[in-house]
């Protein structure tokens, strides 16, 4: 069965983060931006069906609302994948960490 075979994947990753939030554990103001790059190729030891490049960008903003300790948070995320990425590296809409209204995949 082709779906039961193991496939070798070797990935190099790099992330750039700019954190301007006022508190790393419980932010109430500021922002955070992140760019993540991932690469899989023959050089990294990946099989031909597992070679890809992926870029993911995300940004989060925090703003305190009044004196009630309420915080308004906005988060955007976008990315692209080129090549034969395995399912765990692909980008899907929905899932347990979104408010899209439908299940993952």
PDB file of N, CA and C in Angstrom:
ATOM      1  N   UNK A   1       0.850  -1.185   0.000  1.00  0.00           N
ATOM      2  CA  UNK A   1       0.000   0.000   0.000  1.00  0.00           C
ATOM      3  C   UNK A   1       0.891   1.243   0.000  1.00  0.00           C
ATOM      4  N   UNK A   2       0.701   2.097  -0.966  1.00  0.00           N
ATOM      5  CA  UNK A   2       1.528   3.312  -1.105  1.00  0.00           C
ATOM      6  C   UNK A   2       1.340   4.272   0.071  1.00  0.00           C
ATOM      7  N   UNK A   3       0.168   4.284   0.713  1.00  0.00           N
ATOM      8  CA  UNK A   3      -0.091   5.212   1.817  1.00  0.00           C
ATOM      9  C   UNK A   3       0.513   4.737   3.135  1.00  0.00           C
ATOM     10  N   UNK A   4       0.903   3.477   3.213  1.00  0.00           N
ATOM     11  CA  UNK A   4       1.477   2.933   4.439  1.00  0.00           C
ATOM     12  C   UNK A   4       3.002   3.005   4.455  1.00  0.00           C
ATOM     13  N   UNK A   5       3.625   3.462   3.369  1.00  0.00           N
ATOM     14  CA  UNK A   5       5.083   3.526   3.294  1.00  0.00           C
ATOM     15  C   UNK A   5       5.620   4.730   4.057  1.00  0.00           C
ATOM     16  N   UNK A   6       6.756   4.535   4.698  1.00  0.00           N
ATOM     17  CA  UNK A   6       7.441   5.648   5.348  1.00  0.00           C
ATOM     18  C   UNK A   6       8.171   6.475   4.298  1.00  0.00           C
ATOM     19  N   UNK A   7       8.153   7.787   4.472  1.00  0.00           N
ATOM     20  CA  UNK A   7       8.852   8.687   3.570  1.00  0.00           C
ATOM     21  C   UNK A   7       9.765   9.585   4.396  1.00  0.00           C
ATOM     22  N   UNK A   8      11.006   9.705   3.969  1.00  0.00           N
ATOM     23  CA  UNK A   8      11.996  10.491   4.702  1.00  0.00           C
ATOM     24  C   UNK A   8      11.830  11.971   4.384  1.00  0.00           C
ATOM     25  N   UNK A   9      11.796  12.773   5.457  1.00  0.00           N
ATOM     26  CA  UNK A   9      11.687  14.225   5.323  1.00  0.00           C
ATOM     27  C   UNK A   9      12.754  14.861   6.201  1.00  0.00           C
ATOM     28  N   UNK A  10      13.559  15.718   5.604  1.00  0.00           N
ATOM     29  CA  UNK A  10      14.523  16.515   6.353  1.00  0.00           C
ATOM     30  C   UNK A  10      14.230  17.982   6.078  1.00  0.00           C
ATOM     31  N   UNK A  11      14.070  18.778   7.119  1.00  0.00           N
ATOM     32  CA  UNK A  11      13.635  20.170   6.960  1.00  0.00           C
ATOM     33  C   UNK A  11      14.601  21.106   7.675  1.00  0.00           C
ATOM     34  N   UNK A  12      14.953  22.199   7.002  1.00  0.00           N
ATOM     35  CA  UNK A  12      15.670  23.305   7.631  1.00  0.00           C
ATOM     36  C   UNK A  12      14.665  24.437   7.828  1.00  0.00           C
ATOM     37  N   UNK A  13      14.671  25.025   9.006  1.00  0.00           N
ATOM     38  CA  UNK A  13      13.738  26.105   9.281  1.00  0.00           C
ATOM     39  C   UNK A  13      14.439  27.304   9.888  1.00  0.00           C
ATOM     40  N   UNK A  14      13.841  28.471   9.664  1.00  0.00           N
ATOM     41  CA  UNK A  14      14.379  29.714  10.195  1.00  0.00           C
ATOM     42  C   UNK A  14      13.204  30.634  10.498  1.00  0.00           C
ATOM     43  N   UNK A  15      13.222  31.281  11.638  1.00  0.00           N
ATOM     44  CA  UNK A  15      12.145  32.198  12.007  1.00  0.00           C
ATOM     45  C   UNK A  15      12.719  33.539  12.434  1.00  0.00           C
ATOM     46  N   UNK A  16      12.069  34.598  11.998  1.00  0.00           N
ATOM     47  CA  UNK A  16      12.384  35.961  12.431  1.00  0.00           C
ATOM     48  C   UNK A  16      11.185  36.459  13.228  1.00  0.00           C
ATOM     49  N   UNK A  17      11.437  36.958  14.427  1.00  0.00           N
ATOM     50  CA  UNK A  17      10.359  37.421  15.296  1.00  0.00           C
ATOM     51  C   UNK A  17      10.667  38.829  15.772  1.00  0.00           C
ATOM     52  N   UNK A  18       9.659  39.671  15.717  1.00  0.00           N
ATOM     53  CA  UNK A  18       9.757  41.026  16.280  1.00  0.00           C
ATOM     54  C   UNK A  18       8.639  41.141  17.305  1.00  0.00           C
ATOM     55  N   UNK A  19       9.000  41.185  18.573  1.00  0.00           N
ATOM     56  CA  UNK A  19       8.015  41.208  19.656  1.00  0.00           C
ATOM     57  C   UNK A  19       8.043  42.566  20.337  1.00  0.00           C
ATOM     58  N   UNK A  20       6.990  43.330  20.132  1.00  0.00           N
ATOM     59  CA  UNK A  20       6.844  44.645  20.771  1.00  0.00           C
ATOM     60  C   UNK A  20       5.702  44.639  21.781  1.00  0.00           C
ATOM     61  N   UNK A  21       5.324  43.463  22.247  1.00  0.00           N
ATOM     62  CA  UNK A  21       4.267  43.362  23.257  1.00  0.00           C
ATOM     63  C   UNK A  21       4.836  43.756  24.617  1.00  0.00           C
ATOM     64  N   UNK A  22       3.967  44.278  25.483  1.00  0.00           N
ATOM     65  CA  UNK A  22       4.443  44.764  26.779  1.00  0.00           C
ATOM     66  C   UNK A  22       4.712  43.641  27.779  1.00  0.00           C
ATOM     67  N   UNK A  23       4.211  42.432  27.523  1.00  0.00           N
ATOM     68  CA  UNK A  23       4.407  41.319  28.432  1.00  0.00           C
ATOM     69  C   UNK A  23       4.412  40.030  27.608  1.00  0.00           C
ATOM     70  N   UNK A  24       5.458  39.197  27.714  1.00  0.00           N
ATOM     71  CA  UNK A  24       5.517  38.003  26.866  1.00  0.00           C
ATOM     72  C   UNK A  24       4.482  36.938  27.215  1.00  0.00           C
ATOM     73  N   UNK A  25       4.001  36.891  28.450  1.00  0.00           N
ATOM     74  CA  UNK A  25       3.044  35.865  28.851  1.00  0.00           C
ATOM     75  C   UNK A  25       1.595  36.341  28.856  1.00  0.00           C
ATOM     76  N   UNK A  26       1.375  37.614  29.128  1.00  0.00           N
ATOM     77  CA  UNK A  26       0.022  38.147  29.222  1.00  0.00           C
ATOM     78  C   UNK A  26      -0.010  39.569  28.648  1.00  0.00           C
ATOM     79  N   UNK A  27       0.130  39.717  27.334  1.00  0.00           N
ATOM     80  CA  UNK A  27       0.222  41.063  26.754  1.00  0.00           C
ATOM     81  C   UNK A  27      -1.111  41.807  26.795  1.00  0.00           C
ATOM     82  N   UNK A  28      -1.019  43.108  27.009  1.00  0.00           N
ATOM     83  CA  UNK A  28      -2.218  43.948  26.969  1.00  0.00           C
ATOM     84  C   UNK A  28      -2.057  45.097  25.974  1.00  0.00           C
ATOM     85  N   UNK A  29      -0.854  45.292  25.455  1.00  0.00           N
ATOM     86  CA  UNK A  29      -0.638  46.292  24.419  1.00  0.00           C
ATOM     87  C   UNK A  29       0.614  45.917  23.622  1.00  0.00           C
ATOM     88  N   UNK A  30       0.694  46.463  22.433  1.00  0.00           N
ATOM     89  CA  UNK A  30       1.842  46.194  21.589  1.00  0.00           C
ATOM     90  C   UNK A  30       1.495  45.282  20.426  1.00  0.00           C
ATOM     91  N   UNK A  31       2.524  44.691  19.814  1.00  0.00           N
ATOM     92  CA  UNK A  31       2.316  43.841  18.649  1.00  0.00           C
ATOM     93  C   UNK A  31       3.437  42.826  18.532  1.00  0.00           C
ATOM     94  N   UNK A  32       3.206  41.838  17.681  1.00  0.00           N
ATOM     95  CA  UNK A  32       4.174  40.785  17.432  1.00  0.00           C
ATOM     96  C   UNK A  32       4.085  40.388  15.964  1.00  0.00           C
ATOM     97  N   UNK A  33       5.227  40.297  15.298  1.00  0.00           N
ATOM     98  CA  UNK A  33       5.266  39.839  13.914  1.00  0.00           C
ATOM     99  C   UNK A  33       6.247  38.674  13.824  1.00  0.00           C
ATOM    100  N   UNK A  34       5.907  37.701  12.967  1.00  0.00           N
ATOM    101  CA  UNK A  34       6.759  36.526  12.801  1.00  0.00           C
ATOM    102  C   UNK A  34       6.756  36.086  11.340  1.00  0.00           C
ATOM    103  N   UNK A  35       7.931  35.765  10.807  1.00  0.00           N
ATOM    104  CA  UNK A  35       8.077  35.158   9.481  1.00  0.00           C
ATOM    105  C   UNK A  35       8.840  33.854   9.680  1.00  0.00           C
ATOM    106  N   UNK A  36       8.271  32.766   9.182  1.00  0.00           N
ATOM    107  CA  UNK A  36       8.893  31.451   9.297  1.00  0.00           C
ATOM    108  C   UNK A  36       9.174  30.906   7.900  1.00  0.00           C
ATOM    109  N   UNK A  37      10.397  30.466   7.666  1.00  0.00           N
ATOM    110  CA  UNK A  37      10.806  29.874   6.399  1.00  0.00           C
ATOM    111  C   UNK A  37      11.195  28.423   6.651  1.00  0.00           C
ATOM    112  N   UNK A  38      10.706  27.503   5.800  1.00  0.00           N
ATOM    113  CA  UNK A  38      11.053  26.085   5.912  1.00  0.00           C
ATOM    114  C   UNK A  38      11.425  25.556   4.530  1.00  0.00           C
ATOM    115  N   UNK A  39      12.471  24.718   4.490  1.00  0.00           N
ATOM    116  CA  UNK A  39      12.994  24.191   3.225  1.00  0.00           C
ATOM    117  C   UNK A  39      13.280  22.706   3.372  1.00  0.00           C
ATOM    118  N   UNK A  40      12.846  21.931   2.382  1.00  0.00           N
ATOM    119  CA  UNK A  40      13.108  20.493   2.329  1.00  0.00           C
ATOM    120  C   UNK A  40      13.548  20.150   0.917  1.00  0.00           C
ATOM    121  N   UNK A  41      14.693  19.478   0.794  1.00  0.00           N
ATOM    122  CA  UNK A  41      15.226  19.134  -0.528  1.00  0.00           C
ATOM    123  C   UNK A  41      16.078  17.874  -0.429  1.00  0.00           C
ATOM    124  N   UNK A  42      16.676  17.507  -1.543  1.00  0.00           N
ATOM    125  CA  UNK A  42      17.592  16.368  -1.559  1.00  0.00           C
ATOM    126  C   UNK A  42      18.773  16.639  -0.629  1.00  0.00           C
ATOM    127  N   UNK A  43      19.222  17.882  -0.570  1.00  0.00           N
ATOM    128  CA  UNK A  43      20.354  18.259   0.285  1.00  0.00           C
ATOM    129  C   UNK A  43      20.037  18.017   1.764  1.00  0.00           C
ATOM    130  N   UNK A  44      18.783  18.210   2.174  1.00  0.00           N
ATOM    131  CA  UNK A  44      18.393  17.992   3.570  1.00  0.00           C
ATOM    132  C   UNK A  44      17.992  16.550   3.847  1.00  0.00           C
ATOM    133  N   UNK A  45      18.056  15.680   2.832  1.00  0.00           N
ATOM    134  CA  UNK A  45      17.770  14.262   3.031  1.00  0.00           C
ATOM    135  C   UNK A  45      16.343  13.845   2.767  1.00  0.00           C
ATOM    136  N   UNK A  46      15.568  14.671   2.092  1.00  0.00           N
ATOM    137  CA  UNK A  46      14.165  14.356   1.833  1.00  0.00           C
ATOM    138  C   UNK A  46      13.995  13.558   0.549  1.00  0.00           C
ATOM    139  N   UNK A  47      13.035  12.651   0.556  1.00  0.00           N
ATOM    140  CA  UNK A  47      12.685  11.924  -0.654  1.00  0.00           C
ATOM    141  C   UNK A  47      12.011  12.871  -1.641  1.00  0.00           C
ATOM    142  N   UNK A  48      11.955  12.471  -2.905  1.00  0.00           N
ATOM    143  CA  UNK A  48      11.426  13.329  -3.972  1.00  0.00           C
ATOM    144  C   UNK A  48       9.988  13.763  -3.720  1.00  0.00           C
ATOM    145  N   UNK A  49       9.186  12.936  -3.074  1.00  0.00           N
ATOM    146  CA  UNK A  49       7.777  13.283  -2.821  1.00  0.00           C
ATOM    147  C   UNK A  49       7.602  14.147  -1.581  1.00  0.00           C
ATOM    148  N   UNK A  50       8.689  14.548  -0.937  1.00  0.00           N
ATOM    149  CA  UNK A  50       8.613  15.323   0.300  1.00  0.00           C
ATOM    150  C   UNK A  50       9.415  16.621   0.227  1.00  0.00           C
ATOM    151  N   UNK A  51       9.671  17.121  -0.959  1.00  0.00           N
ATOM    152  CA  UNK A  51      10.513  18.319  -1.118  1.00  0.00           C
ATOM    153  C   UNK A  51       9.645  19.554  -1.336  1.00  0.00           C
ATOM    154  N   UNK A  52       9.911  20.598  -0.573  1.00  0.00           N
ATOM    155  CA  UNK A  52       9.065  21.794  -0.621  1.00  0.00           C
ATOM    156  C   UNK A  52       9.795  22.994  -0.056  1.00  0.00           C
ATOM    157  N   UNK A  53       9.220  24.164  -0.275  1.00  0.00           N
ATOM    158  CA  UNK A  53       9.597  25.417   0.376  1.00  0.00           C
ATOM    159  C   UNK A  53       8.316  26.019   0.933  1.00  0.00           C
ATOM    160  N   UNK A  54       8.404  26.581   2.123  1.00  0.00           N
ATOM    161  CA  UNK A  54       7.217  27.144   2.765  1.00  0.00           C
ATOM    162  C   UNK A  54       7.594  28.465   3.430  1.00  0.00           C
ATOM    163  N   UNK A  55       6.726  29.457   3.263  1.00  0.00           N
ATOM    164  CA  UNK A  55       6.883  30.731   3.969  1.00  0.00           C
ATOM    165  C   UNK A  55       5.556  31.025   4.657  1.00  0.00           C
ATOM    166  N   UNK A  56       5.644  31.433   5.911  1.00  0.00           N
ATOM    167  CA  UNK A  56       4.453  31.735   6.707  1.00  0.00           C
ATOM    168  C   UNK A  56       4.695  33.050   7.433  1.00  0.00           C
ATOM    169  N   UNK A  57       3.779  33.989   7.274  1.00  0.00           N
ATOM    170  CA  UNK A  57       3.870  35.268   7.968  1.00  0.00           C
ATOM    171  C   UNK A  57       2.661  35.459   8.855  1.00  0.00           C
ATOM    172  N   UNK A  58       2.874  36.025  10.019  1.00  0.00           N
ATOM    173  CA  UNK A  58       1.750  36.290  10.921  1.00  0.00           C
ATOM    174  C   UNK A  58       2.022  37.540  11.748  1.00  0.00           C
ATOM    175  N   UNK A  59       0.945  38.186  12.131  1.00  0.00           N
ATOM    176  CA  UNK A  59       1.043  39.399  12.952  1.00  0.00           C
ATOM    177  C   UNK A  59      -0.098  39.408  13.961  1.00  0.00           C
ATOM    178  N   UNK A  60       0.202  39.878  15.164  1.00  0.00           N
ATOM    179  CA  UNK A  60      -0.785  39.972  16.234  1.00  0.00           C
ATOM    180  C   UNK A  60      -0.679  41.349  16.873  1.00  0.00           C
ATOM    181  N   UNK A  61      -1.834  41.950  17.146  1.00  0.00           N
ATOM    182  CA  UNK A  61      -1.891  43.246  17.820  1.00  0.00           C
ATOM    183  C   UNK A  61      -2.719  43.104  19.091  1.00  0.00           C
ATOM    184  N   UNK A  62      -2.286  43.802  20.153  1.00  0.00           N
ATOM    185  CA  UNK A  62      -2.966  43.791  21.446  1.00  0.00           C
ATOM    186  C   UNK A  62      -3.305  45.220  21.834  1.00  0.00           C
ATOM    187  N   UNK A  63      -4.521  45.417  22.365  1.00  0.00           N
ATOM    188  CA  UNK A  63      -4.921  46.741  22.847  1.00  0.00           C
ATOM    189  C   UNK A  63      -5.826  46.578  24.062  1.00  0.00           C
ATOM    190  N   UNK A  64      -5.449  47.225  25.137  1.00  0.00           N
ATOM    191  CA  UNK A  64      -6.229  47.163  26.374  1.00  0.00           C
ATOM    192  C   UNK A  64      -7.498  47.993  26.217  1.00  0.00           C
ATOM    193  N   UNK A  65      -8.603  47.446  26.684  1.00  0.00           N
ATOM    194  CA  UNK A  65      -9.896  48.130  26.605  1.00  0.00           C
ATOM    195  C   UNK A  65     -10.325  48.563  27.996  1.00  0.00           C
ATOM    196  N   UNK A  66     -10.240  49.836  28.265  1.00  0.00           N
ATOM    197  CA  UNK A  66     -10.673  50.366  29.547  1.00  0.00           C
ATOM    198  C   UNK A  66      -9.839  49.857  30.700  1.00  0.00           C
ATOM    199  N   UNK A  67     -10.442  49.885  31.862  1.00  0.00           N
ATOM    200  CA  UNK A  67      -9.734  49.446  33.074  1.00  0.00           C
ATOM    201  C   UNK A  67     -10.249  48.107  33.568  1.00  0.00           C
ATOM    202  N   UNK A  68     -10.976  47.416  32.732  1.00  0.00           N
ATOM    203  CA  UNK A  68     -11.575  46.127  33.102  1.00  0.00           C
ATOM    204  C   UNK A  68     -10.612  44.962  32.901  1.00  0.00           C
ATOM    205  N   UNK A  69      -9.394  45.230  32.497  1.00  0.00           N
ATOM    206  CA  UNK A  69      -8.393  44.207  32.185  1.00  0.00           C
ATOM    207  C   UNK A  69      -8.799  43.373  30.970  1.00  0.00           C
ATOM    208  N   UNK A  70      -9.660  43.936  30.130  1.00  0.00           N
ATOM    209  CA  UNK A  70     -10.014  43.267  28.878  1.00  0.00           C
ATOM    210  C   UNK A  70      -9.022  43.694  27.803  1.00  0.00           C
ATOM    211  N   UNK A  71      -8.674  42.767  26.932  1.00  0.00           N
ATOM    212  CA  UNK A  71      -7.711  43.037  25.874  1.00  0.00           C
ATOM    213  C   UNK A  71      -8.317  42.623  24.539  1.00  0.00           C
ATOM    214  N   UNK A  72      -8.292  43.548  23.580  1.00  0.00           N
ATOM    215  CA  UNK A  72      -8.716  43.250  22.221  1.00  0.00           C
ATOM    216  C   UNK A  72      -7.489  42.737  21.466  1.00  0.00           C
ATOM    217  N   UNK A  73      -7.629  41.580  20.834  1.00  0.00           N
ATOM    218  CA  UNK A  73      -6.528  40.966  20.100  1.00  0.00           C
ATOM    219  C   UNK A  73      -6.939  40.753  18.654  1.00  0.00           C
ATOM    220  N   UNK A  74      -6.071  41.123  17.730  1.00  0.00           N
ATOM    221  CA  UNK A  74      -6.294  40.860  16.305  1.00  0.00           C
ATOM    222  C   UNK A  74      -5.101  40.053  15.798  1.00  0.00           C
ATOM    223  N   UNK A  75      -5.380  39.040  14.973  1.00  0.00           N
ATOM    224  CA  UNK A  75      -4.323  38.166  14.477  1.00  0.00           C
ATOM    225  C   UNK A  75      -4.573  37.857  13.006  1.00  0.00           C
ATOM    226  N   UNK A  76      -3.556  38.026  12.171  1.00  0.00           N
ATOM    227  CA  UNK A  76      -3.645  37.652  10.758  1.00  0.00           C
ATOM    228  C   UNK A  76      -2.486  36.712  10.439  1.00  0.00           C
ATOM    229  N   UNK A  77      -2.768  35.797   9.510  1.00  0.00           N
ATOM    230  CA  UNK A  77      -1.765  34.816   9.136  1.00  0.00           C
ATOM    231  C   UNK A  77      -1.922  34.484   7.661  1.00  0.00           C
ATOM    232  N   UNK A  78      -0.820  34.327   6.958  1.00  0.00           N
ATOM    233  CA  UNK A  78      -0.862  33.940   5.552  1.00  0.00           C
ATOM    234  C   UNK A  78       0.439  33.267   5.165  1.00  0.00           C
ATOM    235  N   UNK A  79       0.366  32.447   4.135  1.00  0.00           N
ATOM    236  CA  UNK A  79       1.575  31.748   3.730  1.00  0.00           C
ATOM    237  C   UNK A  79       1.437  31.123   2.363  1.00  0.00           C
ATOM    238  N   UNK A  80       2.538  30.538   1.911  1.00  0.00           N
ATOM    239  CA  UNK A  80       2.573  29.837   0.624  1.00  0.00           C
ATOM    240  C   UNK A  80       3.476  28.621   0.759  1.00  0.00           C
ATOM    241  N   UNK A  81       3.136  27.585  -0.010  1.00  0.00           N
ATOM    242  CA  UNK A  81       3.942  26.374  -0.062  1.00  0.00           C
ATOM    243  C   UNK A  81       4.196  26.044  -1.520  1.00  0.00           C
ATOM    244  N   UNK A  82       5.457  25.758  -1.861  1.00  0.00           N
ATOM    245  CA  UNK A  82       5.827  25.327  -3.205  1.00  0.00           C
ATOM    246  C   UNK A  82       6.376  23.916  -3.108  1.00  0.00           C
ATOM    247  N   UNK A  83       5.983  23.047  -4.018  1.00  0.00           N
ATOM    248  CA  UNK A  83       6.541  21.705  -4.074  1.00  0.00           C
ATOM    249  C   UNK A  83       5.606  20.652  -3.516  1.00  0.00           C
ATOM    250  N   UNK A  84       6.178  19.505  -3.185  1.00  0.00           N
ATOM    251  CA  UNK A  84       5.433  18.328  -2.724  1.00  0.00           C
ATOM    252  C   UNK A  84       5.464  18.251  -1.202  1.00  0.00           C
ATOM    253  N   UNK A  85       4.784  19.132  -0.537  1.00  0.00           N
ATOM    254  CA  UNK A  85       4.808  19.181   0.923  1.00  0.00           C
ATOM    255  C   UNK A  85       3.976  18.054   1.529  1.00  0.00           C
ATOM    256  N   UNK A  86       4.482  17.429   2.608  1.00  0.00           N
ATOM    257  CA  UNK A  86       3.676  16.445   3.323  1.00  0.00           C
ATOM    258  C   UNK A  86       2.515  17.146   4.033  1.00  0.00           C
ATOM    259  N   UNK A  87       1.472  16.413   4.414  1.00  0.00           N
ATOM    260  CA  UNK A  87       0.284  17.050   5.016  1.00  0.00           C
ATOM    261  C   UNK A  87       0.576  17.955   6.211  1.00  0.00           C
ATOM    262  N   UNK A  88       1.526  17.594   7.055  1.00  0.00           N
ATOM    263  CA  UNK A  88       1.802  18.410   8.244  1.00  0.00           C
ATOM    264  C   UNK A  88       2.452  19.746   7.912  1.00  0.00           C
ATOM    265  N   UNK A  89       2.916  19.929   6.678  1.00  0.00           N
ATOM    266  CA  UNK A  89       3.523  21.185   6.262  1.00  0.00           C
ATOM    267  C   UNK A  89       2.600  22.028   5.389  1.00  0.00           C
ATOM    268  N   UNK A  90       1.471  21.487   5.001  1.00  0.00           N
ATOM    269  CA  UNK A  90       0.540  22.222   4.140  1.00  0.00           C
ATOM    270  C   UNK A  90      -0.244  23.236   4.961  1.00  0.00           C
ATOM    271  N   UNK A  91      -0.874  24.170   4.271  1.00  0.00           N
ATOM    272  CA  UNK A  91      -1.662  25.206   4.931  1.00  0.00           C
ATOM    273  C   UNK A  91      -3.141  24.908   4.720  1.00  0.00           C
ATOM    274  N   UNK A  92      -3.905  24.882   5.801  1.00  0.00           N
ATOM    275  CA  UNK A  92      -5.330  24.579   5.752  1.00  0.00           C
ATOM    276  C   UNK A  92      -6.131  25.716   6.368  1.00  0.00           C
ATOM    277  N   UNK A  93      -7.330  25.938   5.864  1.00  0.00           N
ATOM    278  CA  UNK A  93      -8.245  26.899   6.472  1.00  0.00           C
ATOM    279  C   UNK A  93      -9.092  26.154   7.496  1.00  0.00           C
ATOM    280  N   UNK A  94      -9.329  26.771   8.620  1.00  0.00           N
ATOM    281  CA  UNK A  94     -10.127  26.133   9.662  1.00  0.00           C
ATOM    282  C   UNK A  94      -9.246  25.396  10.648  1.00  0.00           C
ATOM    283  N   UNK A  95      -9.879  24.722  11.573  1.00  0.00           N
ATOM    284  CA  UNK A  95      -9.153  23.944  12.566  1.00  0.00           C
ATOM    285  C   UNK A  95      -9.396  24.448  13.978  1.00  0.00           C
ATOM    286  N   UNK A  96      -8.757  23.824  14.962  1.00  0.00           N
ATOM    287  CA  UNK A  96      -9.053  24.107  16.367  1.00  0.00           C
ATOM    288  C   UNK A  96      -8.587  25.473  16.863  1.00  0.00           C
ATOM    289  N   UNK A  97      -7.710  26.154  16.121  1.00  0.00           N
ATOM    290  CA  UNK A  97      -7.205  27.451  16.587  1.00  0.00           C
ATOM    291  C   UNK A  97      -7.756  28.618  15.769  1.00  0.00           C
ATOM    292  N   UNK A  98      -8.859  28.402  15.046  1.00  0.00           N
ATOM    293  CA  UNK A  98      -9.423  29.479  14.233  1.00  0.00           C
ATOM    294  C   UNK A  98     -10.883  29.680  14.579  1.00  0.00           C
ATOM    295  N   UNK A  99     -11.456  30.739  14.045  1.00  0.00           N
ATOM    296  CA  UNK A  99     -12.886  31.008  14.228  1.00  0.00           C
ATOM    297  C   UNK A  99     -13.606  30.954  12.876  1.00  0.00           C
ATOM    298  N   UNK A 100     -13.117  30.099  11.988  1.00  0.00           N
ATOM    299  CA  UNK A 100     -13.662  30.019  10.639  1.00  0.00           C
ATOM    300  C   UNK A 100     -15.022  29.325  10.583  1.00  0.00           C
ATOM    301  N   UNK A 101     -15.334  28.474  11.557  1.00  0.00           N
ATOM    302  CA  UNK A 101     -16.639  27.834  11.573  1.00  0.00           C
ATOM    303  C   UNK A 101     -16.677  26.475  10.915  1.00  0.00           C
ATOM    304  N   UNK A 102     -15.543  25.921  10.550  1.00  0.00           N
ATOM    305  CA  UNK A 102     -15.559  24.563   9.996  1.00  0.00           C
ATOM    306  C   UNK A 102     -14.321  23.819  10.467  1.00  0.00           C
ATOM    307  N   UNK A 103     -14.369  22.493  10.380  1.00  0.00           N
ATOM    308  CA  UNK A 103     -13.304  21.652  10.887  1.00  0.00           C
ATOM    309  C   UNK A 103     -12.038  21.750  10.044  1.00  0.00           C
ATOM    310  N   UNK A 104     -10.929  21.317  10.613  1.00  0.00           N
ATOM    311  CA  UNK A 104      -9.659  21.315   9.900  1.00  0.00           C
ATOM    312  C   UNK A 104      -9.691  20.381   8.714  1.00  0.00           C
ATOM    313  N   UNK A 105      -8.920  20.748   7.649  1.00  0.00           N
ATOM    314  CA  UNK A 105      -8.781  19.964   6.418  1.00  0.00           C
ATOM    315  C   UNK A 105     -10.071  19.979   5.625  1.00  0.00           C
TER     316      UNK A 105
END
